[in-house]
Amino acid sequence: DDFGRWIVDGLNMEKVASEVRVSTGETSPFAFIIVTPDGKRTVLWTRGTAPYLVPEEILPEVILSGRVLILDDIEIVAGTRAAAMAREAGITVILDASTPRAGIEKLIELTDEVVMAEKFPFRLTGERDFRQSLRAILKRGPTKVTVTLGEKGALYMDADSWIEQPAFAVNTVDTTGAGDVFHGAYTYGRLQD
């Protein structure tokens, strides 16, 4: 569909090496984003009709070609297979978590680091305190957990540390992509040690 062609063209234009599966007769996911004058946004999103990847479609050569594997919580079944491949090869697995979906527990067990949205730890654990909820997530397997708090900054916890990082003061024009940029910068920082 037009959105799918636009997605593939954008990846090609940015020279992003990508394995893309095209499903004939399906619609691609897409979003319309409404931005208010103060920079806040509302996302109107549809998943489309393109089928989810199945674990057998995960290509080991793609997973094993990097030093870090970043997953989200949309395609949990395929993501769990990819995480298992990466972990077995000693590749760091980072999970971008926003919504606790069915099967997320197994994916978290196979994840080294979780970077999550503000409400995710409470929804997953049932705890109402950040420290308690992040400790509960660390017990499930990851060694590092981070919560993004938007204009309030971020929280980080590992076995030895608790860090509260205030947000940097910026003139916000549009918050679209802020989380994606955070995940990219976080991963870049991890790769630089």
Protein backbone atom coordinates (compact mmCIF):
# COMPACT_ATOMS: atom_id res chain seq x y z
CA ASP A 1 0.00 0.00 0.00
CA ASP A 2 1.04 3.66 -0.20
CA PHE A 3 2.07 3.79 3.47
CA GLY A 4 4.17 0.64 3.06
CA ARG A 5 5.96 2.06 0.02
CA TRP A 6 6.57 5.28 1.95
CA ILE A 7 8.07 3.30 4.86
CA VAL A 8 10.39 1.30 2.59
CA ASP A 9 11.37 4.43 0.61
CA GLY A 10 12.21 6.22 3.86
CA LEU A 11 14.40 3.35 5.07
CA ASN A 12 16.19 3.27 1.72
CA MET A 13 16.61 7.05 1.63
CA GLU A 14 18.23 7.02 5.09
CA LYS A 15 20.41 4.04 4.07
CA VAL A 16 19.03 1.92 6.88
CA ALA A 17 19.95 -1.69 6.16
CA SER A 18 16.73 -3.53 6.67
CA GLU A 19 15.07 -6.83 5.90
CA VAL A 20 11.52 -5.95 4.93
CA ARG A 21 8.73 -8.44 4.37
CA VAL A 22 6.04 -7.29 1.95
CA SER A 23 2.55 -8.79 2.27
CA THR A 24 0.40 -8.29 -0.80
CA GLY A 25 -3.11 -7.00 -0.21
CA GLU A 26 -2.48 -5.83 3.36
CA THR A 27 -2.31 -2.36 4.89
CA SER A 28 0.71 -1.04 6.75
CA PRO A 29 0.67 0.47 10.22
CA PHE A 30 0.49 4.25 10.20
CA ALA A 31 -0.10 7.17 12.53
CA PHE A 32 -1.40 10.70 12.29
CA ILE A 33 0.06 12.96 14.94
CA ILE A 34 -1.61 16.09 16.26
CA VAL A 35 0.78 18.56 17.91
CA THR A 36 -0.49 21.38 20.13
CA PRO A 37 1.26 24.79 20.27
CA ASP A 38 3.00 23.80 23.54
CA GLY A 39 4.61 20.77 21.83
CA LYS A 40 2.42 18.05 23.32
CA ARG A 41 1.06 15.43 20.98
CA THR A 42 -1.78 13.03 20.40
CA VAL A 43 -1.12 9.99 18.23
CA LEU A 44 -3.91 8.43 16.18
CA TRP A 45 -2.48 5.03 15.22
CA THR A 46 -3.61 1.92 13.44
CA ARG A 47 -1.78 -1.37 13.35
CA GLY A 48 -2.95 -2.02 9.79
CA THR A 49 -3.67 -5.54 8.57
CA ALA A 50 -0.13 -6.72 7.81
CA PRO A 51 0.44 -9.95 9.74
CA TYR A 52 2.89 -10.17 12.60
CA LEU A 53 6.19 -11.93 11.98
CA VAL A 54 6.28 -15.54 13.03
CA PRO A 55 9.38 -16.84 14.86
CA GLU A 56 10.47 -18.88 11.84
CA GLU A 57 10.77 -15.66 9.80
CA ILE A 58 13.46 -14.26 12.11
CA LEU A 59 16.73 -14.41 10.17
CA PRO A 60 19.65 -15.43 12.40
CA GLU A 61 22.16 -13.64 10.14
CA VAL A 62 20.32 -10.35 10.73
CA ILE A 63 20.06 -10.82 14.49
CA LEU A 64 23.70 -11.89 14.81
CA SER A 65 25.07 -9.07 12.64
CA GLY A 66 24.97 -6.44 15.39
CA ARG A 67 26.34 -5.77 18.85
CA VAL A 68 22.96 -4.81 20.30
CA LEU A 69 19.41 -5.92 19.52
CA ILE A 70 16.67 -3.40 20.31
CA LEU A 71 13.13 -4.77 20.48
CA ASP A 72 9.76 -3.24 21.25
CA ASP A 73 6.69 -4.79 22.81
CA ILE A 74 4.58 -4.98 19.66
CA GLU A 75 5.67 -8.31 18.15
CA ILE A 76 6.28 -10.28 21.34
CA VAL A 77 6.39 -13.80 19.90
CA ALA A 78 8.90 -13.02 17.15
CA GLY A 79 10.76 -10.66 19.50
CA THR A 80 11.15 -13.44 22.06
CA ARG A 81 12.74 -15.68 19.43
CA ALA A 82 15.07 -12.87 18.32
CA ALA A 83 16.03 -12.15 21.94
CA ALA A 84 16.82 -15.82 22.57
CA MET A 85 19.09 -15.89 19.49
CA ALA A 86 20.87 -12.72 20.55
CA ARG A 87 21.34 -13.80 24.17
CA GLU A 88 22.75 -17.17 23.07
CA ALA A 89 25.31 -15.28 20.94
CA GLY A 90 26.22 -12.86 23.75
CA ILE A 91 24.56 -9.88 22.05
CA THR A 92 23.02 -7.32 24.41
CA VAL A 93 19.22 -7.18 24.23
CA ILE A 94 17.47 -3.89 25.02
CA LEU A 95 13.67 -3.76 25.27
CA ASP A 96 11.66 -0.61 24.54
CA ALA A 97 8.62 -1.33 26.72
CA SER A 98 5.44 0.71 26.76
CA THR A 99 2.51 -1.68 27.28
CA PRO A 100 2.47 -5.01 29.14
CA ARG A 101 1.07 -7.41 26.54
CA ALA A 102 0.57 -11.16 26.67
CA GLY A 103 3.95 -12.91 26.67
CA ILE A 104 5.97 -9.88 27.80
CA GLU A 105 7.22 -11.73 30.89
CA LYS A 106 9.20 -14.25 28.79
CA LEU A 107 10.63 -11.46 26.64
CA ILE A 108 11.74 -9.57 29.76
CA GLU A 109 13.52 -12.71 31.03
CA LEU A 110 15.58 -12.71 27.80
CA THR A 111 16.35 -8.98 28.00
CA ASP A 112 19.52 -7.45 29.42
CA GLU A 113 18.17 -3.90 29.74
CA VAL A 114 14.64 -2.52 29.74
CA VAL A 115 13.93 1.12 28.89
CA MET A 116 10.28 1.69 29.64
CA ALA A 117 7.51 4.24 29.59
CA GLU A 118 6.46 5.85 32.86
CA LYS A 119 3.39 3.68 33.57
CA PHE A 120 4.84 0.39 32.34
CA PRO A 121 6.52 -0.75 35.60
CA PHE A 122 3.34 -0.14 37.61
CA ARG A 123 1.11 -1.92 35.10
CA LEU A 124 3.48 -4.88 34.87
CA THR A 125 4.21 -5.40 38.57
CA GLY A 126 1.17 -3.94 40.32
CA GLU A 127 3.53 -1.94 42.54
CA ARG A 128 2.88 1.77 43.10
CA ASP A 129 6.45 2.83 43.88
CA PHE A 130 9.19 3.17 41.24
CA ARG A 131 11.92 1.59 43.34
CA GLN A 132 9.79 -1.42 44.25
CA SER A 133 8.49 -1.92 40.72
CA LEU A 134 11.96 -1.60 39.16
CA ARG A 135 13.42 -4.05 41.70
CA ALA A 136 10.65 -6.49 40.77
CA ILE A 137 11.56 -6.16 37.08
CA LEU A 138 15.28 -6.65 37.81
CA LYS A 139 14.38 -9.92 39.56
CA ARG A 140 12.87 -11.14 36.27
CA GLY A 141 16.22 -11.13 34.48
CA PRO A 142 17.39 -7.74 33.20
CA THR A 143 20.50 -6.22 34.78
CA LYS A 144 19.55 -2.59 34.08
CA VAL A 145 16.20 -0.81 33.98
CA THR A 146 15.37 2.76 32.97
CA VAL A 147 12.08 4.66 33.09
CA THR A 148 11.55 7.68 30.86
CA LEU A 149 9.51 10.43 32.51
CA GLY A 150 9.20 13.00 29.72
CA GLU A 151 9.77 16.51 31.00
CA LYS A 152 10.65 15.06 34.44
CA GLY A 153 13.71 13.20 33.10
CA ALA A 154 14.48 9.53 33.71
CA LEU A 155 15.16 6.98 36.43
CA TYR A 156 17.81 4.25 36.25
CA MET A 157 18.39 1.23 38.45
CA ASP A 158 20.78 -1.71 38.46
CA ALA A 159 21.94 -3.98 41.28
CA ASP A 160 24.14 -1.24 42.75
CA SER A 161 22.75 2.10 41.54
CA TRP A 162 19.71 4.34 41.64
CA ILE A 163 19.99 7.44 39.45
CA GLU A 164 17.42 10.20 39.02
CA GLN A 165 18.33 12.17 35.89
CA PRO A 166 16.47 15.47 35.44
CA ALA A 167 15.41 16.35 31.91
CA PHE A 168 17.46 18.83 29.96
CA ALA A 169 15.78 22.21 29.51
CA VAL A 170 14.72 22.56 25.88
CA ASN A 171 12.26 24.67 23.95
CA THR A 172 9.80 21.93 23.04
CA VAL A 173 8.28 22.24 19.61
CA ASP A 174 7.08 18.67 19.10
CA THR A 175 7.62 15.62 21.34
CA THR A 176 7.10 13.16 18.47
CA GLY A 177 10.03 10.76 18.35
CA ALA A 178 11.44 11.81 21.73
CA GLY A 179 11.27 8.25 23.04
CA ASP A 180 12.87 6.85 19.89
CA VAL A 181 15.69 9.39 20.16
CA PHE A 182 16.12 8.48 23.83
CA HIS A 183 16.40 4.78 22.98
CA GLY A 184 18.89 5.51 20.20
CA ALA A 185 21.02 7.76 22.43
CA TYR A 186 20.83 5.26 25.29
CA THR A 187 21.97 2.44 23.02
CA TYR A 188 24.74 4.57 21.53
CA GLY A 189 25.92 5.40 25.04
CA ARG A 190 25.90 1.73 26.00
CA LEU A 191 27.95 0.87 22.90
CA GLN A 192 30.46 3.54 23.92
CA ASP A 193 30.52 2.03 27.43
